[in-house]
Amino acid sequence: MALIVRQEGPDDAAAIAAAVRRAYADVPYSDHREHLMIARLRSSAAWIPALSLLAEEDGRVVGHILLTRAAIRGARGSTPTLALAPLSVVPEWQGRGVGGRLVRAAHQRARDLGYGSVVLVGIPDYYRRFGYRPMADHAIAVPFTVPARNCMVLALTPDGLSGVEGMVQYASEWMGGGGAG
């Protein structure tokens, strides 16, 4: 059976959590709580059902991506954006294009929903291939300490980052507050 990418359904939460735990089990920089962040975000105002996508092969979840509401707040006001996290692919499917399919599908859905940009903290060598650039190029920062090279942003539309600068404001559930876990 072929790999399919689809929106998360009401009965997918447990399978997604298991896939996310497996994807991050051996990642040294992970706190191994990514699945808990997803659970917190599901019940938050940041949740956008259409932007929780899974990759499935023969009925098994082999990957997942989540984009949630965030904002970039600066001197000129607040600009809606999306936060990408986490992107998860189970170990035996890594290196086979699953992550790329999930990223591209999430970007297209986000464009279709009218979003202009996506922020992330991730591996620069991986995300550059999708057009992500350093946040610092746009005078955008995150509210926690992390190497600047890992803070990236993507304009989903030609003017998605026009005049945008400031601090990313994540949902409290993204940051670890609110909800369960």
N, C-alpha and C. Protein backbone atom coordinates (compact mmCIF):
# COMPACT_ATOMS: atom_id res chain seq x y z
N MET A 1 0.84 -1.18 0.00
CA MET A 1 0.00 0.00 0.00
C MET A 1 0.88 1.25 0.00
N ALA A 2 0.45 2.30 -0.65
CA ALA A 2 1.24 3.52 -0.78
C ALA A 2 1.11 4.38 0.48
N LEU A 3 2.11 5.21 0.69
CA LEU A 3 2.11 6.17 1.79
C LEU A 3 1.09 7.25 1.49
N ILE A 4 0.25 7.55 2.48
CA ILE A 4 -0.70 8.63 2.31
C ILE A 4 -0.48 9.67 3.41
N VAL A 5 -0.75 10.92 3.09
CA VAL A 5 -0.70 12.01 4.05
C VAL A 5 -2.13 12.51 4.20
N ARG A 6 -2.59 12.59 5.44
CA ARG A 6 -3.96 13.02 5.68
C ARG A 6 -4.05 13.77 7.01
N GLN A 7 -5.17 14.44 7.17
CA GLN A 7 -5.44 15.15 8.41
C GLN A 7 -5.68 14.14 9.53
N GLU A 8 -5.21 14.49 10.70
CA GLU A 8 -5.48 13.68 11.88
C GLU A 8 -6.98 13.55 12.08
N GLY A 9 -7.42 12.35 12.43
CA GLY A 9 -8.82 12.11 12.73
C GLY A 9 -9.04 11.92 14.22
N PRO A 10 -10.29 11.81 14.65
CA PRO A 10 -10.60 11.72 16.07
C PRO A 10 -10.03 10.49 16.77
N ASP A 11 -9.73 9.45 16.03
CA ASP A 11 -9.22 8.22 16.65
C ASP A 11 -7.72 8.04 16.48
N ASP A 12 -7.00 9.07 16.04
CA ASP A 12 -5.58 8.94 15.73
C ASP A 12 -4.63 9.35 16.85
N ALA A 13 -5.13 9.95 17.92
CA ALA A 13 -4.25 10.53 18.94
C ALA A 13 -3.25 9.52 19.52
N ALA A 14 -3.70 8.34 19.88
CA ALA A 14 -2.81 7.35 20.50
C ALA A 14 -1.73 6.88 19.53
N ALA A 15 -2.10 6.64 18.28
CA ALA A 15 -1.12 6.19 17.28
C ALA A 15 -0.11 7.30 16.98
N ILE A 16 -0.57 8.55 16.96
CA ILE A 16 0.35 9.67 16.74
C ILE A 16 1.31 9.78 17.92
N ALA A 17 0.79 9.69 19.14
CA ALA A 17 1.66 9.77 20.32
C ALA A 17 2.73 8.68 20.29
N ALA A 18 2.34 7.48 19.93
CA ALA A 18 3.30 6.37 19.87
C ALA A 18 4.36 6.63 18.80
N ALA A 19 3.95 7.11 17.64
CA ALA A 19 4.91 7.41 16.57
C ALA A 19 5.86 8.54 16.97
N VAL A 20 5.34 9.56 17.62
CA VAL A 20 6.17 10.68 18.05
C VAL A 20 7.17 10.22 19.10
N ARG A 21 6.74 9.42 20.06
CA ARG A 21 7.67 8.90 21.08
C ARG A 21 8.79 8.09 20.42
N ARG A 22 8.43 7.25 19.45
CA ARG A 22 9.45 6.45 18.75
C ARG A 22 10.41 7.33 17.97
N ALA A 23 9.85 8.36 17.31
CA ALA A 23 10.69 9.23 16.48
C ALA A 23 11.74 9.96 17.30
N TYR A 24 11.42 10.32 18.54
CA TYR A 24 12.34 11.11 19.37
C TYR A 24 13.07 10.28 20.43
N ALA A 25 12.84 8.98 20.49
CA ALA A 25 13.41 8.14 21.55
C ALA A 25 14.93 8.24 21.65
N ASP A 26 15.62 8.31 20.53
CA ASP A 26 17.08 8.33 20.54
C ASP A 26 17.66 9.68 20.13
N VAL A 27 16.85 10.73 20.19
CA VAL A 27 17.33 12.08 19.82
C VAL A 27 17.90 12.74 21.07
N PRO A 28 19.21 13.00 21.08
CA PRO A 28 19.84 13.49 22.31
C PRO A 28 19.35 14.85 22.80
N TYR A 29 18.93 15.74 21.91
CA TYR A 29 18.49 17.07 22.34
C TYR A 29 17.01 17.11 22.71
N SER A 30 16.31 16.01 22.59
CA SER A 30 14.89 15.96 22.90
C SER A 30 14.67 15.79 24.40
N ASP A 31 13.58 16.38 24.90
CA ASP A 31 13.18 16.13 26.29
C ASP A 31 12.22 14.94 26.36
N HIS A 32 11.91 14.34 25.22
CA HIS A 32 11.06 13.15 25.09
C HIS A 32 9.64 13.42 25.59
N ARG A 33 9.20 14.67 25.43
CA ARG A 33 7.86 15.08 25.85
C ARG A 33 7.08 15.70 24.69
N GLU A 34 7.56 15.51 23.47
CA GLU A 34 6.89 16.09 22.31
C GLU A 34 5.44 15.62 22.20
N HIS A 35 5.19 14.36 22.50
CA HIS A 35 3.82 13.83 22.43
C HIS A 35 2.91 14.53 23.45
N LEU A 36 3.46 14.95 24.58
CA LEU A 36 2.67 15.67 25.58
C LEU A 36 2.33 17.08 25.11
N MET A 37 3.29 17.72 24.40
CA MET A 37 3.02 19.03 23.84
C MET A 37 1.85 18.94 22.85
N ILE A 38 1.85 17.94 22.00
CA ILE A 38 0.76 17.76 21.04
C ILE A 38 -0.57 17.60 21.78
N ALA A 39 -0.58 16.80 22.83
CA ALA A 39 -1.81 16.60 23.60
C ALA A 39 -2.30 17.91 24.21
N ARG A 40 -1.38 18.71 24.76
CA ARG A 40 -1.77 20.01 25.33
C ARG A 40 -2.35 20.92 24.26
N LEU A 41 -1.69 20.94 23.10
CA LEU A 41 -2.12 21.85 22.03
C LEU A 41 -3.49 21.46 21.45
N ARG A 42 -3.81 20.17 21.45
CA ARG A 42 -5.11 19.74 20.92
C ARG A 42 -6.28 20.44 21.60
N SER A 43 -6.12 20.79 22.85
CA SER A 43 -7.24 21.41 23.57
C SER A 43 -7.03 22.91 23.75
N SER A 44 -6.20 23.51 22.92
CA SER A 44 -5.89 24.94 23.05
C SER A 44 -6.48 25.74 21.89
N ALA A 45 -6.46 27.04 22.06
CA ALA A 45 -6.91 27.94 20.98
C ALA A 45 -5.93 27.96 19.82
N ALA A 46 -4.72 27.46 20.03
CA ALA A 46 -3.71 27.43 18.96
C ALA A 46 -3.95 26.30 17.97
N TRP A 47 -4.76 25.33 18.35
CA TRP A 47 -5.00 24.13 17.54
C TRP A 47 -5.75 24.45 16.26
N ILE A 48 -5.26 23.95 15.15
CA ILE A 48 -5.92 24.05 13.85
C ILE A 48 -6.00 22.62 13.32
N PRO A 49 -7.16 21.99 13.40
CA PRO A 49 -7.27 20.58 13.01
C PRO A 49 -6.69 20.27 11.63
N ALA A 50 -6.89 21.15 10.67
CA ALA A 50 -6.41 20.92 9.30
C ALA A 50 -4.90 20.91 9.20
N LEU A 51 -4.19 21.36 10.25
CA LEU A 51 -2.73 21.43 10.20
C LEU A 51 -2.06 20.43 11.13
N SER A 52 -2.78 19.39 11.51
CA SER A 52 -2.20 18.24 12.19
C SER A 52 -2.31 17.09 11.20
N LEU A 53 -1.19 16.81 10.55
CA LEU A 53 -1.18 15.83 9.46
C LEU A 53 -0.36 14.60 9.85
N LEU A 54 -0.81 13.46 9.39
CA LEU A 54 -0.03 12.26 9.61
C LEU A 54 0.27 11.57 8.29
N ALA A 55 1.36 10.84 8.30
CA ALA A 55 1.73 9.98 7.17
C ALA A 55 1.41 8.55 7.62
N GLU A 56 0.73 7.85 6.74
CA GLU A 56 0.25 6.52 7.09
C GLU A 56 0.59 5.54 5.97
N GLU A 57 1.04 4.37 6.36
CA GLU A 57 1.32 3.32 5.38
C GLU A 57 0.67 2.04 5.88
N ASP A 58 -0.21 1.52 5.08
CA ASP A 58 -0.90 0.27 5.42
C ASP A 58 -1.56 0.34 6.80
N GLY A 59 -2.17 1.51 7.10
CA GLY A 59 -2.88 1.68 8.36
C GLY A 59 -2.01 2.02 9.56
N ARG A 60 -0.71 2.15 9.36
CA ARG A 60 0.20 2.48 10.46
C ARG A 60 0.69 3.91 10.32
N VAL A 61 0.70 4.65 11.43
CA VAL A 61 1.22 6.02 11.42
C VAL A 61 2.74 5.93 11.44
N VAL A 62 3.37 6.52 10.41
CA VAL A 62 4.83 6.49 10.31
C VAL A 62 5.43 7.89 10.43
N GLY A 63 4.56 8.92 10.47
CA GLY A 63 5.05 10.29 10.63
C GLY A 63 3.92 11.22 10.97
N HIS A 64 4.29 12.39 11.49
CA HIS A 64 3.30 13.39 11.89
C HIS A 64 3.96 14.77 11.86
N ILE A 65 3.15 15.78 11.53
CA ILE A 65 3.60 17.17 11.59
C ILE A 65 2.47 18.00 12.19
N LEU A 66 2.85 19.02 12.93
CA LEU A 66 1.88 19.89 13.55
C LEU A 66 2.28 21.35 13.36
N LEU A 67 1.34 22.16 12.88
CA LEU A 67 1.48 23.61 12.82
C LEU A 67 0.37 24.19 13.66
N THR A 68 0.72 25.10 14.57
CA THR A 68 -0.27 25.72 15.44
C THR A 68 -0.15 27.24 15.37
N ARG A 69 -1.22 27.92 15.81
CA ARG A 69 -1.23 29.39 15.80
C ARG A 69 -0.18 29.96 16.72
N ALA A 70 0.46 31.02 16.24
CA ALA A 70 1.40 31.81 17.03
C ALA A 70 1.30 33.23 16.49
N ALA A 71 2.12 34.11 16.99
CA ALA A 71 2.14 35.50 16.52
C ALA A 71 3.57 36.02 16.61
N ILE A 72 3.84 37.03 15.81
CA ILE A 72 5.11 37.76 15.92
C ILE A 72 4.73 39.17 16.36
N ARG A 73 5.15 39.53 17.57
CA ARG A 73 4.77 40.83 18.14
C ARG A 73 5.97 41.77 18.13
N GLY A 74 5.75 42.94 17.51
CA GLY A 74 6.81 43.93 17.43
C GLY A 74 6.26 45.33 17.59
N ALA A 75 7.10 46.31 17.33
CA ALA A 75 6.72 47.72 17.49
C ALA A 75 5.55 48.10 16.58
N ARG A 76 5.42 47.41 15.45
CA ARG A 76 4.34 47.72 14.50
C ARG A 76 3.06 46.94 14.74
N GLY A 77 3.05 46.13 15.79
CA GLY A 77 1.86 45.35 16.10
C GLY A 77 2.13 43.86 16.06
N SER A 78 1.06 43.10 15.93
CA SER A 78 1.14 41.64 15.96
C SER A 78 0.76 41.06 14.60
N THR A 79 1.54 40.09 14.16
CA THR A 79 1.29 39.42 12.89
C THR A 79 1.06 37.94 13.15
N PRO A 80 -0.07 37.39 12.70
CA PRO A 80 -0.30 35.95 12.87
C PRO A 80 0.76 35.16 12.11
N THR A 81 1.16 34.05 12.68
CA THR A 81 2.08 33.13 12.04
C THR A 81 1.71 31.73 12.52
N LEU A 82 2.44 30.74 12.07
CA LEU A 82 2.27 29.38 12.53
C LEU A 82 3.59 28.88 13.10
N ALA A 83 3.51 28.02 14.10
CA ALA A 83 4.69 27.39 14.69
C ALA A 83 4.70 25.93 14.26
N LEU A 84 5.79 25.50 13.65
CA LEU A 84 5.95 24.10 13.25
C LEU A 84 6.66 23.37 14.37
N ALA A 85 6.00 22.41 14.94
CA ALA A 85 6.61 21.55 15.95
C ALA A 85 5.54 20.63 16.51
N PRO A 86 5.85 19.40 16.64
CA PRO A 86 7.04 18.76 16.11
C PRO A 86 6.80 18.14 14.73
N LEU A 87 7.89 17.83 14.06
CA LEU A 87 7.88 16.99 12.86
C LEU A 87 8.47 15.67 13.30
N SER A 88 7.75 14.60 13.10
CA SER A 88 8.17 13.28 13.61
C SER A 88 8.06 12.23 12.52
N VAL A 89 9.10 11.42 12.39
CA VAL A 89 9.09 10.26 11.49
C VAL A 89 9.70 9.09 12.25
N VAL A 90 9.01 7.96 12.28
CA VAL A 90 9.53 6.81 13.01
C VAL A 90 10.85 6.37 12.37
N PRO A 91 11.76 5.83 13.18
CA PRO A 91 13.13 5.55 12.69
C PRO A 91 13.23 4.78 11.38
N GLU A 92 12.45 3.71 11.21
CA GLU A 92 12.60 2.91 9.98
C GLU A 92 12.10 3.61 8.73
N TRP A 93 11.42 4.74 8.88
CA TRP A 93 10.94 5.51 7.74
C TRP A 93 11.76 6.79 7.52
N GLN A 94 12.71 7.07 8.38
CA GLN A 94 13.53 8.27 8.21
C GLN A 94 14.44 8.10 6.99
N GLY A 95 14.69 9.20 6.30
CA GLY A 95 15.53 9.17 5.11
C GLY A 95 14.81 8.68 3.87
N ARG A 96 13.49 8.55 3.93
CA ARG A 96 12.72 8.03 2.79
C ARG A 96 11.74 9.05 2.23
N GLY A 97 11.89 10.32 2.64
CA GLY A 97 11.06 11.39 2.09
C GLY A 97 9.76 11.66 2.81
N VAL A 98 9.50 10.94 3.90
CA VAL A 98 8.25 11.12 4.63
C VAL A 98 8.16 12.52 5.24
N GLY A 99 9.24 12.95 5.89
CA GLY A 99 9.26 14.28 6.49
C GLY A 99 9.02 15.37 5.45
N GLY A 100 9.66 15.25 4.31
CA GLY A 100 9.48 16.23 3.24
C GLY A 100 8.05 16.28 2.73
N ARG A 101 7.44 15.12 2.59
CA ARG A 101 6.03 15.10 2.15
C ARG A 101 5.13 15.77 3.17
N LEU A 102 5.39 15.52 4.45
CA LEU A 102 4.59 16.15 5.50
C LEU A 102 4.78 17.67 5.51
N VAL A 103 6.03 18.12 5.40
CA VAL A 103 6.31 19.57 5.41
C VAL A 103 5.63 20.24 4.23
N ARG A 104 5.79 19.69 3.04
CA ARG A 104 5.17 20.31 1.85
C ARG A 104 3.64 20.33 1.94
N ALA A 105 3.06 19.24 2.43
CA ALA A 105 1.60 19.18 2.57
C ALA A 105 1.12 20.20 3.61
N ALA A 106 1.83 20.33 4.72
CA ALA A 106 1.45 21.29 5.75
C ALA A 106 1.57 22.72 5.22
N HIS A 107 2.64 23.00 4.48
CA HIS A 107 2.80 24.34 3.89
C HIS A 107 1.64 24.67 2.95
N GLN A 108 1.27 23.72 2.11
CA GLN A 108 0.18 23.98 1.17
C GLN A 108 -1.13 24.23 1.89
N ARG A 109 -1.42 23.42 2.89
CA ARG A 109 -2.66 23.62 3.65
C ARG A 109 -2.65 24.97 4.36
N ALA A 110 -1.49 25.34 4.90
CA ALA A 110 -1.38 26.63 5.59
C ALA A 110 -1.63 27.79 4.62
N ARG A 111 -1.06 27.70 3.42
CA ARG A 111 -1.33 28.72 2.38
C ARG A 111 -2.81 28.78 2.06
N ASP A 112 -3.41 27.61 1.87
CA ASP A 112 -4.83 27.54 1.55
C ASP A 112 -5.70 28.17 2.63
N LEU A 113 -5.23 28.12 3.88
CA LEU A 113 -5.96 28.71 5.00
C LEU A 113 -5.65 30.20 5.19
N GLY A 114 -4.73 30.72 4.35
CA GLY A 114 -4.44 32.15 4.38
C GLY A 114 -3.30 32.58 5.28
N TYR A 115 -2.51 31.65 5.76
CA TYR A 115 -1.36 32.02 6.60
C TYR A 115 -0.20 32.48 5.74
N GLY A 116 0.57 33.44 6.26
CA GLY A 116 1.67 34.02 5.50
C GLY A 116 3.05 33.54 5.87
N SER A 117 3.20 32.90 7.05
CA SER A 117 4.54 32.49 7.46
C SER A 117 4.48 31.35 8.47
N VAL A 118 5.64 30.71 8.64
CA VAL A 118 5.81 29.63 9.61
C VAL A 118 7.15 29.86 10.31
N VAL A 119 7.17 29.70 11.63
CA VAL A 119 8.41 29.76 12.40
C VAL A 119 8.71 28.37 12.94
N LEU A 120 9.99 28.12 13.19
CA LEU A 120 10.38 26.85 13.79
C LEU A 120 11.74 26.97 14.45
N VAL A 121 11.98 26.05 15.35
CA VAL A 121 13.31 25.84 15.92
C VAL A 121 13.67 24.43 15.50
N GLY A 122 14.70 24.33 14.66
CA GLY A 122 15.02 23.02 14.10
C GLY A 122 16.42 22.96 13.52
N ILE A 123 16.66 21.93 12.76
CA ILE A 123 17.96 21.66 12.16
C ILE A 123 18.06 22.43 10.84
N PRO A 124 18.94 23.45 10.79
CA PRO A 124 19.00 24.30 9.59
C PRO A 124 19.26 23.53 8.30
N ASP A 125 20.15 22.57 8.32
CA ASP A 125 20.47 21.85 7.08
C ASP A 125 19.26 21.11 6.52
N TYR A 126 18.35 20.71 7.38
CA TYR A 126 17.15 20.02 6.91
C TYR A 126 16.13 21.02 6.37
N TYR A 127 15.83 22.06 7.12
CA TYR A 127 14.73 22.95 6.77
C TYR A 127 15.06 23.96 5.66
N ARG A 128 16.33 24.21 5.39
CA ARG A 128 16.68 25.13 4.29
C ARG A 128 16.12 24.65 2.95
N ARG A 129 16.06 23.35 2.76
CA ARG A 129 15.57 22.80 1.48
C ARG A 129 14.13 23.18 1.20
N PHE A 130 13.39 23.59 2.25
CA PHE A 130 12.00 24.00 2.09
C PHE A 130 11.85 25.52 2.04
N GLY A 131 12.98 26.23 2.05
CA GLY A 131 12.95 27.68 1.95
C GLY A 131 13.08 28.42 3.26
N TYR A 132 13.24 27.72 4.37
CA TYR A 132 13.40 28.39 5.67
C TYR A 132 14.72 29.15 5.71
N ARG A 133 14.67 30.31 6.35
CA ARG A 133 15.83 31.18 6.51
C ARG A 133 15.94 31.58 7.98
N PRO A 134 17.11 32.06 8.39
CA PRO A 134 17.27 32.48 9.79
C PRO A 134 16.28 33.58 10.17
N MET A 135 15.69 33.45 11.36
CA MET A 135 14.79 34.49 11.87
C MET A 135 15.52 35.83 11.97
N ALA A 136 16.80 35.77 12.31
CA ALA A 136 17.57 37.00 12.50
C ALA A 136 17.60 37.86 11.23
N ASP A 137 17.46 37.24 10.06
CA ASP A 137 17.42 37.99 8.80
C ASP A 137 16.22 38.93 8.75
N HIS A 138 15.21 38.66 9.57
CA HIS A 138 13.98 39.44 9.59
C HIS A 138 13.77 40.15 10.93
N ALA A 139 14.81 40.18 11.76
CA ALA A 139 14.71 40.77 13.10
C ALA A 139 13.57 40.13 13.90
N ILE A 140 13.50 38.80 13.80
CA ILE A 140 12.52 38.00 14.56
C ILE A 140 13.31 37.15 15.55
N ALA A 141 12.79 37.01 16.76
CA ALA A 141 13.47 36.23 17.79
C ALA A 141 12.46 35.36 18.53
N VAL A 142 12.98 34.40 19.28
CA VAL A 142 12.15 33.54 20.11
C VAL A 142 12.36 33.91 21.58
N PRO A 143 11.38 33.62 22.44
CA PRO A 143 11.45 34.03 23.85
C PRO A 143 12.17 33.05 24.77
N PHE A 144 13.11 32.30 24.24
CA PHE A 144 13.88 31.36 25.05
C PHE A 144 15.27 31.26 24.45
N THR A 145 16.18 30.67 25.20
CA THR A 145 17.57 30.58 24.77
C THR A 145 17.78 29.33 23.93
N VAL A 146 18.22 29.56 22.70
CA VAL A 146 18.51 28.48 21.76
C VAL A 146 19.46 29.09 20.72
N PRO A 147 20.35 28.30 20.14
CA PRO A 147 21.25 28.87 19.15
C PRO A 147 20.48 29.54 18.00
N ALA A 148 20.91 30.74 17.64
CA ALA A 148 20.23 31.53 16.60
C ALA A 148 20.14 30.75 15.29
N ARG A 149 21.12 29.95 14.97
CA ARG A 149 21.10 29.21 13.70
C ARG A 149 19.94 28.24 13.60
N ASN A 150 19.38 27.83 14.74
CA ASN A 150 18.27 26.89 14.75
C ASN A 150 16.90 27.56 14.67
N CYS A 151 16.87 28.89 14.75
CA CYS A 151 15.62 29.65 14.71
C CYS A 151 15.38 30.09 13.28
N MET A 152 14.33 29.56 12.67
CA MET A 152 14.11 29.78 11.25
C MET A 152 12.67 30.21 10.97
N VAL A 153 12.50 30.84 9.81
CA VAL A 153 11.19 31.34 9.40
C VAL A 153 11.04 31.15 7.90
N LEU A 154 9.80 30.97 7.46
CA LEU A 154 9.49 30.79 6.06
C LEU A 154 8.31 31.68 5.71
N ALA A 155 8.45 32.45 4.65
CA ALA A 155 7.30 33.19 4.10
C ALA A 155 6.54 32.24 3.19
N LEU A 156 5.27 32.03 3.47
CA LEU A 156 4.45 31.15 2.65
C LEU A 156 3.89 31.87 1.43
N THR A 157 3.88 33.20 1.50
CA THR A 157 3.39 34.04 0.41
C THR A 157 4.45 35.09 0.12
N PRO A 158 4.41 35.72 -1.05
CA PRO A 158 5.45 36.71 -1.37
C PRO A 158 5.57 37.84 -0.35
N ASP A 159 4.47 38.24 0.28
CA ASP A 159 4.54 39.32 1.27
C ASP A 159 4.35 38.81 2.70
N GLY A 160 4.50 37.52 2.91
CA GLY A 160 4.25 36.91 4.21
C GLY A 160 5.09 37.44 5.35
N LEU A 161 6.25 38.00 5.05
CA LEU A 161 7.12 38.55 6.09
C LEU A 161 7.42 40.03 5.87
N SER A 162 6.71 40.65 4.96
CA SER A 162 6.94 42.05 4.64
C SER A 162 6.66 42.92 5.87
N GLY A 163 7.69 43.61 6.36
CA GLY A 163 7.55 44.50 7.51
C GLY A 163 7.37 43.80 8.84
N VAL A 164 7.53 42.49 8.86
CA VAL A 164 7.33 41.73 10.10
C VAL A 164 8.65 41.64 10.86
N GLU A 165 8.59 42.01 12.13
CA GLU A 165 9.73 41.86 13.03
C GLU A 165 9.21 41.78 14.45
N GLY A 166 10.00 41.22 15.33
CA GLY A 166 9.60 41.16 16.73
C GLY A 166 9.85 39.81 17.35
N MET A 167 9.14 39.56 18.44
CA MET A 167 9.29 38.34 19.23
C MET A 167 8.15 37.38 18.91
N VAL A 168 8.50 36.12 18.73
CA VAL A 168 7.48 35.10 18.50
C VAL A 168 6.74 34.87 19.82
N GLN A 169 5.43 34.87 19.74
CA GLN A 169 4.60 34.55 20.90
C GLN A 169 3.92 33.22 20.61
N TYR A 170 4.37 32.21 21.34
CA TYR A 170 3.80 30.87 21.21
C TYR A 170 2.63 30.71 22.17
N ALA A 171 1.76 29.77 21.88
CA ALA A 171 0.70 29.40 22.82
C ALA A 171 1.36 28.90 24.10
N SER A 172 0.75 29.18 25.23
CA SER A 172 1.33 28.71 26.49
C SER A 172 1.45 27.18 26.49
N GLU A 173 0.54 26.49 25.84
CA GLU A 173 0.61 25.03 25.75
C GLU A 173 1.81 24.56 24.95
N TRP A 174 2.24 25.36 23.99
CA TRP A 174 3.43 25.04 23.20
C TRP A 174 4.66 25.14 24.09
N MET A 175 4.64 26.17 24.94
CA MET A 175 5.78 26.44 25.81
C MET A 175 5.82 25.53 27.04
N GLY A 176 4.78 24.73 27.25
CA GLY A 176 4.78 23.82 28.37
C GLY A 176 3.76 24.14 29.43
N GLY A 177 3.07 25.24 29.28
CA GLY A 177 2.04 25.63 30.26
C GLY A 177 0.68 25.17 29.83
N GLY A 178 -0.26 25.26 30.73
CA GLY A 178 -1.65 24.95 30.40
C GLY A 178 -1.86 23.48 30.08
N GLY A 179 -3.04 23.03 30.20
CA GLY A 179 -3.41 21.67 29.78
C GLY A 179 -2.72 20.57 30.54
N ALA A 180 -2.86 19.36 30.06
CA ALA A 180 -2.28 18.19 30.71
C ALA A 180 -0.84 17.99 30.28
N GLY A 181 -0.02 17.44 31.17
CA GLY A 181 1.32 17.01 30.83
C GLY A 181 2.31 18.06 30.99
